[in-house]
Amino acid sequence: MDANDLLLTLYKENAEHARLHETLRERATAVCGAIAAALLGFAAHDGLTAADRPIGIALVVTGLLGALLSAKHYERFRRHSRIAGAFRTALETKLTQSTSKMYDDAVDAHNARFPIMHRVRLYIAWVLVNLFVVAVGAWIAWCTTAQLC
């Protein structure tokens, strides 16, 4: 195996790991969402009572876990993307035309087409979904403790 083959293998491996972390982030959020939906179903079936306080606490824990998993998988995604980028840059030094220029031109065209949405960071939305579960759980726990429901 020559140096180029090694660089290409390492690039592909890290790109694959990055995609895997995005998949795992999505699955973790889906599982936490399903758990939250089930808990809300239990709480709502006969109206909120003091007996639903543990459900509120479980929702807070579920939402916090989901937010943590989402943020951690995003961090690992960025790690592997950065490593893959370093290997790609090393491979580019062998080319006569820089793929970075082609990439940058494509990104610029995309950003011009989507001037607002390209600034939205999707990982923040995924974390907010889980933090919404935390807020609902905290409200249920507070509401049932204060006997406001």
N, C-alpha and C. Protein backbone atom coordinates (compact mmCIF):
# COMPACT_ATOMS: atom_id res chain seq x y z
N MET A 1 0.86 -1.18 0.00
CA MET A 1 0.00 0.00 0.00
C MET A 1 0.89 1.24 0.00
N ASP A 2 0.68 2.10 -0.99
CA ASP A 2 1.50 3.32 -1.02
C ASP A 2 0.85 4.42 -0.18
N ALA A 3 1.51 5.56 -0.10
CA ALA A 3 1.05 6.65 0.77
C ALA A 3 -0.32 7.16 0.35
N ASN A 4 -0.57 7.25 -0.95
CA ASN A 4 -1.88 7.74 -1.42
C ASN A 4 -3.00 6.79 -1.03
N ASP A 5 -2.75 5.50 -1.16
CA ASP A 5 -3.76 4.51 -0.77
C ASP A 5 -4.07 4.61 0.73
N LEU A 6 -3.01 4.78 1.51
CA LEU A 6 -3.20 4.91 2.95
C LEU A 6 -4.02 6.15 3.28
N LEU A 7 -3.66 7.29 2.67
CA LEU A 7 -4.40 8.53 2.91
C LEU A 7 -5.86 8.38 2.50
N LEU A 8 -6.11 7.75 1.35
CA LEU A 8 -7.47 7.56 0.88
C LEU A 8 -8.26 6.66 1.83
N THR A 9 -7.62 5.60 2.30
CA THR A 9 -8.27 4.69 3.25
C THR A 9 -8.62 5.41 4.54
N LEU A 10 -7.69 6.19 5.06
CA LEU A 10 -7.94 6.93 6.30
C LEU A 10 -9.02 7.99 6.10
N TYR A 11 -9.02 8.64 4.94
CA TYR A 11 -10.07 9.61 4.63
C TYR A 11 -11.44 8.94 4.64
N LYS A 12 -11.56 7.83 3.91
CA LYS A 12 -12.84 7.13 3.81
C LYS A 12 -13.31 6.63 5.17
N GLU A 13 -12.37 6.13 5.96
CA GLU A 13 -12.72 5.61 7.29
C GLU A 13 -13.29 6.71 8.17
N ASN A 14 -12.66 7.87 8.19
CA ASN A 14 -13.14 8.95 9.03
C ASN A 14 -14.43 9.57 8.50
N ALA A 15 -14.58 9.63 7.18
CA ALA A 15 -15.84 10.12 6.60
C ALA A 15 -16.98 9.17 6.98
N GLU A 16 -16.70 7.87 6.97
CA GLU A 16 -17.71 6.89 7.36
C GLU A 16 -18.08 7.03 8.85
N HIS A 17 -17.07 7.25 9.68
CA HIS A 17 -17.34 7.44 11.11
C HIS A 17 -18.18 8.70 11.34
N ALA A 18 -17.91 9.75 10.58
CA ALA A 18 -18.69 10.98 10.72
C ALA A 18 -20.15 10.71 10.38
N ARG A 19 -20.39 10.00 9.28
CA ARG A 19 -21.78 9.67 8.90
C ARG A 19 -22.43 8.79 9.97
N LEU A 20 -21.68 7.87 10.53
CA LEU A 20 -22.21 7.00 11.57
C LEU A 20 -22.70 7.81 12.78
N HIS A 21 -21.93 8.81 13.18
CA HIS A 21 -22.33 9.62 14.33
C HIS A 21 -23.59 10.42 14.04
N GLU A 22 -23.78 10.86 12.81
CA GLU A 22 -25.02 11.54 12.44
C GLU A 22 -26.20 10.57 12.53
N THR A 23 -25.99 9.34 12.09
CA THR A 23 -27.04 8.33 12.17
C THR A 23 -27.37 8.01 13.63
N LEU A 24 -26.33 7.85 14.45
CA LEU A 24 -26.55 7.56 15.86
C LEU A 24 -27.24 8.71 16.58
N ARG A 25 -26.92 9.94 16.21
CA ARG A 25 -27.57 11.11 16.80
C ARG A 25 -29.06 11.09 16.47
N GLU A 26 -29.38 10.79 15.22
CA GLU A 26 -30.78 10.73 14.81
C GLU A 26 -31.52 9.63 15.55
N ARG A 27 -30.89 8.48 15.68
CA ARG A 27 -31.56 7.36 16.36
C ARG A 27 -31.74 7.64 17.85
N ALA A 28 -30.75 8.24 18.47
CA ALA A 28 -30.87 8.57 19.90
C ALA A 28 -32.00 9.56 20.13
N THR A 29 -32.11 10.55 19.25
CA THR A 29 -33.18 11.53 19.37
C THR A 29 -34.53 10.86 19.15
N ALA A 30 -34.61 9.96 18.19
CA ALA A 30 -35.87 9.25 17.92
C ALA A 30 -36.29 8.40 19.11
N VAL A 31 -35.33 7.70 19.73
CA VAL A 31 -35.65 6.86 20.89
C VAL A 31 -36.10 7.73 22.06
N CYS A 32 -35.38 8.82 22.31
CA CYS A 32 -35.79 9.71 23.40
C CYS A 32 -37.16 10.32 23.12
N GLY A 33 -37.43 10.64 21.86
CA GLY A 33 -38.73 11.17 21.49
C GLY A 33 -39.84 10.15 21.71
N ALA A 34 -39.57 8.90 21.37
CA ALA A 34 -40.57 7.84 21.57
C ALA A 34 -40.83 7.62 23.06
N ILE A 35 -39.77 7.63 23.85
CA ILE A 35 -39.93 7.48 25.31
C ILE A 35 -40.75 8.65 25.86
N ALA A 36 -40.42 9.86 25.40
CA ALA A 36 -41.14 11.05 25.87
C ALA A 36 -42.62 10.97 25.48
N ALA A 37 -42.90 10.52 24.26
CA ALA A 37 -44.30 10.40 23.82
C ALA A 37 -45.06 9.39 24.68
N ALA A 38 -44.41 8.27 24.99
CA ALA A 38 -45.06 7.26 25.83
C ALA A 38 -45.32 7.82 27.24
N LEU A 39 -44.34 8.51 27.79
CA LEU A 39 -44.51 9.09 29.13
C LEU A 39 -45.63 10.13 29.13
N LEU A 40 -45.68 10.96 28.09
CA LEU A 40 -46.76 11.94 28.01
C LEU A 40 -48.12 11.27 27.88
N GLY A 41 -48.15 10.17 27.16
CA GLY A 41 -49.40 9.42 27.04
C GLY A 41 -49.89 8.90 28.38
N PHE A 42 -48.95 8.37 29.18
CA PHE A 42 -49.31 7.89 30.52
C PHE A 42 -49.82 9.05 31.39
N ALA A 43 -49.15 10.19 31.29
CA ALA A 43 -49.52 11.33 32.13
C ALA A 43 -50.87 11.91 31.72
N ALA A 44 -51.16 11.90 30.43
CA ALA A 44 -52.35 12.59 29.93
C ALA A 44 -53.60 11.73 29.92
N HIS A 45 -53.45 10.44 30.13
CA HIS A 45 -54.62 9.57 29.95
C HIS A 45 -55.77 9.87 30.91
N ASP A 46 -55.49 10.37 32.10
CA ASP A 46 -56.58 10.69 33.04
C ASP A 46 -56.39 12.07 33.67
N GLY A 47 -55.68 12.93 32.99
CA GLY A 47 -55.40 14.26 33.54
C GLY A 47 -54.22 14.22 34.49
N LEU A 48 -53.60 15.35 34.68
CA LEU A 48 -52.41 15.41 35.54
C LEU A 48 -52.81 15.41 37.01
N THR A 49 -52.13 14.55 37.76
CA THR A 49 -52.33 14.48 39.21
C THR A 49 -50.95 14.40 39.86
N ALA A 50 -50.93 14.43 41.17
CA ALA A 50 -49.66 14.32 41.89
C ALA A 50 -48.95 13.01 41.57
N ALA A 51 -49.71 12.01 41.19
CA ALA A 51 -49.11 10.71 40.85
C ALA A 51 -48.27 10.80 39.57
N ASP A 52 -48.43 11.86 38.80
CA ASP A 52 -47.68 12.02 37.55
C ASP A 52 -46.35 12.73 37.75
N ARG A 53 -46.04 13.13 38.97
CA ARG A 53 -44.76 13.80 39.24
C ARG A 53 -43.57 12.97 38.77
N PRO A 54 -43.53 11.66 39.04
CA PRO A 54 -42.39 10.86 38.53
C PRO A 54 -42.29 10.87 37.00
N ILE A 55 -43.43 10.98 36.34
CA ILE A 55 -43.40 11.06 34.88
C ILE A 55 -42.73 12.36 34.44
N GLY A 56 -43.05 13.45 35.12
CA GLY A 56 -42.40 14.73 34.82
C GLY A 56 -40.90 14.64 35.02
N ILE A 57 -40.49 14.02 36.10
CA ILE A 57 -39.05 13.86 36.38
C ILE A 57 -38.40 12.97 35.32
N ALA A 58 -39.10 11.89 34.95
CA ALA A 58 -38.57 11.00 33.90
C ALA A 58 -38.44 11.74 32.57
N LEU A 59 -39.37 12.63 32.27
CA LEU A 59 -39.27 13.44 31.05
C LEU A 59 -38.06 14.36 31.09
N VAL A 60 -37.80 14.96 32.24
CA VAL A 60 -36.62 15.82 32.37
C VAL A 60 -35.35 15.01 32.12
N VAL A 61 -35.27 13.85 32.75
CA VAL A 61 -34.08 12.99 32.57
C VAL A 61 -33.95 12.54 31.12
N THR A 62 -35.05 12.14 30.51
CA THR A 62 -35.03 11.70 29.12
C THR A 62 -34.57 12.82 28.20
N GLY A 63 -35.11 14.01 28.40
CA GLY A 63 -34.73 15.16 27.57
C GLY A 63 -33.28 15.54 27.75
N LEU A 64 -32.80 15.53 29.00
CA LEU A 64 -31.39 15.85 29.24
C LEU A 64 -30.47 14.82 28.60
N LEU A 65 -30.83 13.55 28.71
CA LEU A 65 -30.04 12.50 28.08
C LEU A 65 -30.04 12.67 26.56
N GLY A 66 -31.19 12.95 26.00
CA GLY A 66 -31.27 13.16 24.55
C GLY A 66 -30.43 14.34 24.10
N ALA A 67 -30.48 15.45 24.84
CA ALA A 67 -29.68 16.62 24.49
C ALA A 67 -28.19 16.31 24.60
N LEU A 68 -27.80 15.60 25.65
CA LEU A 68 -26.39 15.22 25.82
C LEU A 68 -25.92 14.32 24.68
N LEU A 69 -26.71 13.30 24.35
CA LEU A 69 -26.33 12.40 23.27
C LEU A 69 -26.25 13.13 21.94
N SER A 70 -27.18 14.02 21.68
CA SER A 70 -27.17 14.78 20.44
C SER A 70 -25.93 15.66 20.34
N ALA A 71 -25.62 16.36 21.41
CA ALA A 71 -24.44 17.23 21.41
C ALA A 71 -23.15 16.42 21.29
N LYS A 72 -23.07 15.28 21.97
CA LYS A 72 -21.86 14.45 21.91
C LYS A 72 -21.66 13.85 20.52
N HIS A 73 -22.74 13.36 19.91
CA HIS A 73 -22.59 12.81 18.57
C HIS A 73 -22.22 13.90 17.56
N TYR A 74 -22.71 15.12 17.76
CA TYR A 74 -22.30 16.22 16.89
C TYR A 74 -20.81 16.49 17.06
N GLU A 75 -20.34 16.49 18.31
CA GLU A 75 -18.89 16.71 18.57
C GLU A 75 -18.06 15.64 17.88
N ARG A 76 -18.48 14.37 17.97
CA ARG A 76 -17.73 13.28 17.33
C ARG A 76 -17.81 13.39 15.80
N PHE A 77 -18.98 13.81 15.29
CA PHE A 77 -19.11 14.04 13.85
C PHE A 77 -18.10 15.09 13.38
N ARG A 78 -18.01 16.21 14.11
CA ARG A 78 -17.06 17.27 13.73
C ARG A 78 -15.62 16.77 13.84
N ARG A 79 -15.32 15.96 14.84
CA ARG A 79 -13.97 15.42 15.00
C ARG A 79 -13.57 14.61 13.77
N HIS A 80 -14.42 13.65 13.40
CA HIS A 80 -14.09 12.80 12.26
C HIS A 80 -14.10 13.59 10.95
N SER A 81 -14.96 14.59 10.84
CA SER A 81 -14.97 15.42 9.64
C SER A 81 -13.67 16.21 9.51
N ARG A 82 -13.20 16.72 10.63
CA ARG A 82 -11.94 17.48 10.60
C ARG A 82 -10.75 16.57 10.24
N ILE A 83 -10.72 15.39 10.81
CA ILE A 83 -9.64 14.44 10.50
C ILE A 83 -9.71 14.05 9.02
N ALA A 84 -10.92 13.74 8.52
CA ALA A 84 -11.07 13.38 7.11
C ALA A 84 -10.62 14.54 6.23
N GLY A 85 -10.94 15.77 6.64
CA GLY A 85 -10.51 16.95 5.88
C GLY A 85 -9.00 17.07 5.81
N ALA A 86 -8.33 16.72 6.90
CA ALA A 86 -6.86 16.77 6.89
C ALA A 86 -6.29 15.75 5.91
N PHE A 87 -6.87 14.55 5.88
CA PHE A 87 -6.40 13.54 4.92
C PHE A 87 -6.73 13.95 3.49
N ARG A 88 -7.89 14.58 3.29
CA ARG A 88 -8.26 15.06 1.96
C ARG A 88 -7.28 16.13 1.49
N THR A 89 -6.91 17.03 2.39
CA THR A 89 -5.94 18.08 2.05
C THR A 89 -4.61 17.46 1.65
N ALA A 90 -4.18 16.43 2.38
CA ALA A 90 -2.93 15.76 2.06
C ALA A 90 -3.01 15.10 0.68
N LEU A 91 -4.15 14.52 0.35
CA LEU A 91 -4.33 13.93 -0.98
C LEU A 91 -4.33 14.99 -2.07
N GLU A 92 -4.89 16.17 -1.76
CA GLU A 92 -4.96 17.26 -2.74
C GLU A 92 -3.60 17.75 -3.18
N THR A 93 -2.61 17.63 -2.32
CA THR A 93 -1.29 18.13 -2.69
C THR A 93 -0.73 17.39 -3.90
N LYS A 94 -1.31 16.23 -4.20
CA LYS A 94 -0.87 15.44 -5.35
C LYS A 94 -1.59 15.84 -6.64
N LEU A 95 -2.64 16.64 -6.53
CA LEU A 95 -3.44 17.00 -7.70
C LEU A 95 -2.96 18.29 -8.34
N THR A 96 -3.26 18.43 -9.62
CA THR A 96 -2.88 19.66 -10.31
C THR A 96 -3.91 20.77 -10.07
N GLN A 97 -5.17 20.41 -9.88
CA GLN A 97 -6.22 21.38 -9.58
C GLN A 97 -6.75 21.10 -8.18
N SER A 98 -6.86 22.12 -7.39
CA SER A 98 -7.29 21.96 -6.01
C SER A 98 -8.78 21.63 -5.93
N THR A 99 -9.09 20.55 -5.24
CA THR A 99 -10.50 20.24 -5.01
C THR A 99 -11.08 21.21 -3.99
N SER A 100 -10.24 21.83 -3.19
CA SER A 100 -10.73 22.82 -2.23
C SER A 100 -11.38 23.99 -2.96
N LYS A 101 -10.80 24.40 -4.06
CA LYS A 101 -11.38 25.49 -4.85
C LYS A 101 -12.73 25.06 -5.41
N MET A 102 -12.82 23.84 -5.93
CA MET A 102 -14.09 23.34 -6.45
C MET A 102 -15.13 23.27 -5.33
N TYR A 103 -14.70 22.79 -4.18
CA TYR A 103 -15.58 22.68 -3.02
C TYR A 103 -16.06 24.06 -2.59
N ASP A 104 -15.13 24.99 -2.45
CA ASP A 104 -15.48 26.34 -2.02
C ASP A 104 -16.44 27.01 -2.99
N ASP A 105 -16.24 26.82 -4.29
CA ASP A 105 -17.14 27.39 -5.29
C ASP A 105 -18.55 26.80 -5.15
N ALA A 106 -18.62 25.49 -4.93
CA ALA A 106 -19.93 24.83 -4.77
C ALA A 106 -20.62 25.33 -3.50
N VAL A 107 -19.88 25.47 -2.40
CA VAL A 107 -20.46 25.97 -1.15
C VAL A 107 -20.93 27.41 -1.32
N ASP A 108 -20.15 28.23 -2.00
CA ASP A 108 -20.56 29.62 -2.23
C ASP A 108 -21.86 29.69 -3.03
N ALA A 109 -21.98 28.86 -4.05
CA ALA A 109 -23.20 28.82 -4.86
C ALA A 109 -24.40 28.37 -4.01
N HIS A 110 -24.17 27.36 -3.19
CA HIS A 110 -25.24 26.87 -2.30
C HIS A 110 -25.66 27.97 -1.33
N ASN A 111 -24.70 28.63 -0.71
CA ASN A 111 -25.00 29.67 0.27
C ASN A 111 -25.74 30.85 -0.37
N ALA A 112 -25.42 31.14 -1.63
CA ALA A 112 -26.13 32.21 -2.34
C ALA A 112 -27.59 31.80 -2.58
N ARG A 113 -27.82 30.53 -2.83
CA ARG A 113 -29.17 30.01 -3.08
C ARG A 113 -30.00 29.96 -1.80
N PHE A 114 -29.34 29.71 -0.66
CA PHE A 114 -30.01 29.62 0.64
C PHE A 114 -29.34 30.58 1.63
N PRO A 115 -29.56 31.90 1.46
CA PRO A 115 -28.81 32.88 2.25
C PRO A 115 -29.09 32.86 3.75
N ILE A 116 -30.27 32.41 4.15
CA ILE A 116 -30.59 32.36 5.59
C ILE A 116 -30.40 30.96 6.14
N MET A 117 -30.95 29.97 5.46
CA MET A 117 -30.94 28.61 6.00
C MET A 117 -29.54 28.04 6.14
N HIS A 118 -28.59 28.46 5.31
CA HIS A 118 -27.24 27.88 5.46
C HIS A 118 -26.58 28.30 6.76
N ARG A 119 -27.13 29.35 7.40
CA ARG A 119 -26.57 29.78 8.68
C ARG A 119 -27.15 29.02 9.87
N VAL A 120 -28.28 28.36 9.67
CA VAL A 120 -28.94 27.62 10.74
C VAL A 120 -28.13 26.36 11.05
N ARG A 121 -27.78 26.18 12.28
CA ARG A 121 -27.01 25.01 12.69
C ARG A 121 -27.98 23.93 13.14
N LEU A 122 -28.04 22.86 12.39
CA LEU A 122 -29.03 21.82 12.62
C LEU A 122 -28.85 21.13 13.97
N TYR A 123 -27.61 20.99 14.42
CA TYR A 123 -27.41 20.31 15.69
C TYR A 123 -28.08 21.07 16.83
N ILE A 124 -28.18 22.39 16.70
CA ILE A 124 -28.84 23.18 17.73
C ILE A 124 -30.33 22.85 17.76
N ALA A 125 -30.92 22.67 16.59
CA ALA A 125 -32.34 22.30 16.54
C ALA A 125 -32.58 20.96 17.21
N TRP A 126 -31.68 19.99 16.98
CA TRP A 126 -31.84 18.67 17.60
C TRP A 126 -31.70 18.76 19.11
N VAL A 127 -30.79 19.58 19.58
CA VAL A 127 -30.65 19.75 21.03
C VAL A 127 -31.89 20.43 21.59
N LEU A 128 -32.42 21.42 20.87
CA LEU A 128 -33.62 22.13 21.34
C LEU A 128 -34.83 21.21 21.42
N VAL A 129 -34.94 20.26 20.50
CA VAL A 129 -36.04 19.29 20.57
C VAL A 129 -35.99 18.56 21.91
N ASN A 130 -34.81 18.14 22.29
CA ASN A 130 -34.66 17.43 23.57
C ASN A 130 -34.86 18.35 24.76
N LEU A 131 -34.42 19.59 24.65
CA LEU A 131 -34.63 20.53 25.76
C LEU A 131 -36.11 20.90 25.90
N PHE A 132 -36.87 20.82 24.82
CA PHE A 132 -38.31 21.01 24.92
C PHE A 132 -38.92 19.90 25.78
N VAL A 133 -38.43 18.68 25.62
CA VAL A 133 -38.90 17.57 26.46
C VAL A 133 -38.57 17.86 27.92
N VAL A 134 -37.39 18.41 28.17
CA VAL A 134 -37.01 18.80 29.54
C VAL A 134 -38.01 19.82 30.08
N ALA A 135 -38.35 20.82 29.27
CA ALA A 135 -39.27 21.87 29.71
C ALA A 135 -40.66 21.30 30.02
N VAL A 136 -41.15 20.41 29.17
CA VAL A 136 -42.46 19.80 29.41
C VAL A 136 -42.42 18.96 30.69
N GLY A 137 -41.36 18.19 30.87
CA GLY A 137 -41.23 17.38 32.08
C GLY A 137 -41.14 18.23 33.33
N ALA A 138 -40.38 19.33 33.25
CA ALA A 138 -40.26 20.22 34.39
C ALA A 138 -41.61 20.87 34.71
N TRP A 139 -42.34 21.23 33.67
CA TRP A 139 -43.67 21.82 33.89
C TRP A 139 -44.60 20.82 34.56
N ILE A 140 -44.59 19.58 34.08
CA ILE A 140 -45.45 18.55 34.68
C ILE A 140 -45.05 18.32 36.14
N ALA A 141 -43.75 18.22 36.40
CA ALA A 141 -43.30 18.00 37.78
C ALA A 141 -43.70 19.17 38.67
N TRP A 142 -43.51 20.40 38.19
CA TRP A 142 -43.87 21.58 38.97
C TRP A 142 -45.38 21.67 39.16
N CYS A 143 -46.10 21.48 38.08
CA CYS A 143 -47.55 21.61 38.10
C CYS A 143 -48.19 20.58 39.08
N THR A 144 -47.68 19.37 39.06
CA THR A 144 -48.24 18.34 39.93
C THR A 144 -47.80 18.54 41.38
N THR A 145 -46.62 19.10 41.59
CA THR A 145 -46.15 19.40 42.95
C THR A 145 -46.96 20.54 43.55
N ALA A 146 -47.18 21.56 42.76
CA ALA A 146 -47.92 22.73 43.25
C ALA A 146 -49.42 22.51 43.18
N GLN A 147 -49.83 21.36 42.68
CA GLN A 147 -51.25 21.00 42.54
C GLN A 147 -52.02 22.05 41.77
N LEU A 148 -51.41 22.49 40.66
CA LEU A 148 -52.05 23.49 39.80
C LEU A 148 -52.80 22.84 38.66
N CYS A 149 -52.64 21.55 38.48
CA CYS A 149 -53.25 20.87 37.34
C CYS A 149 -54.51 20.13 37.75
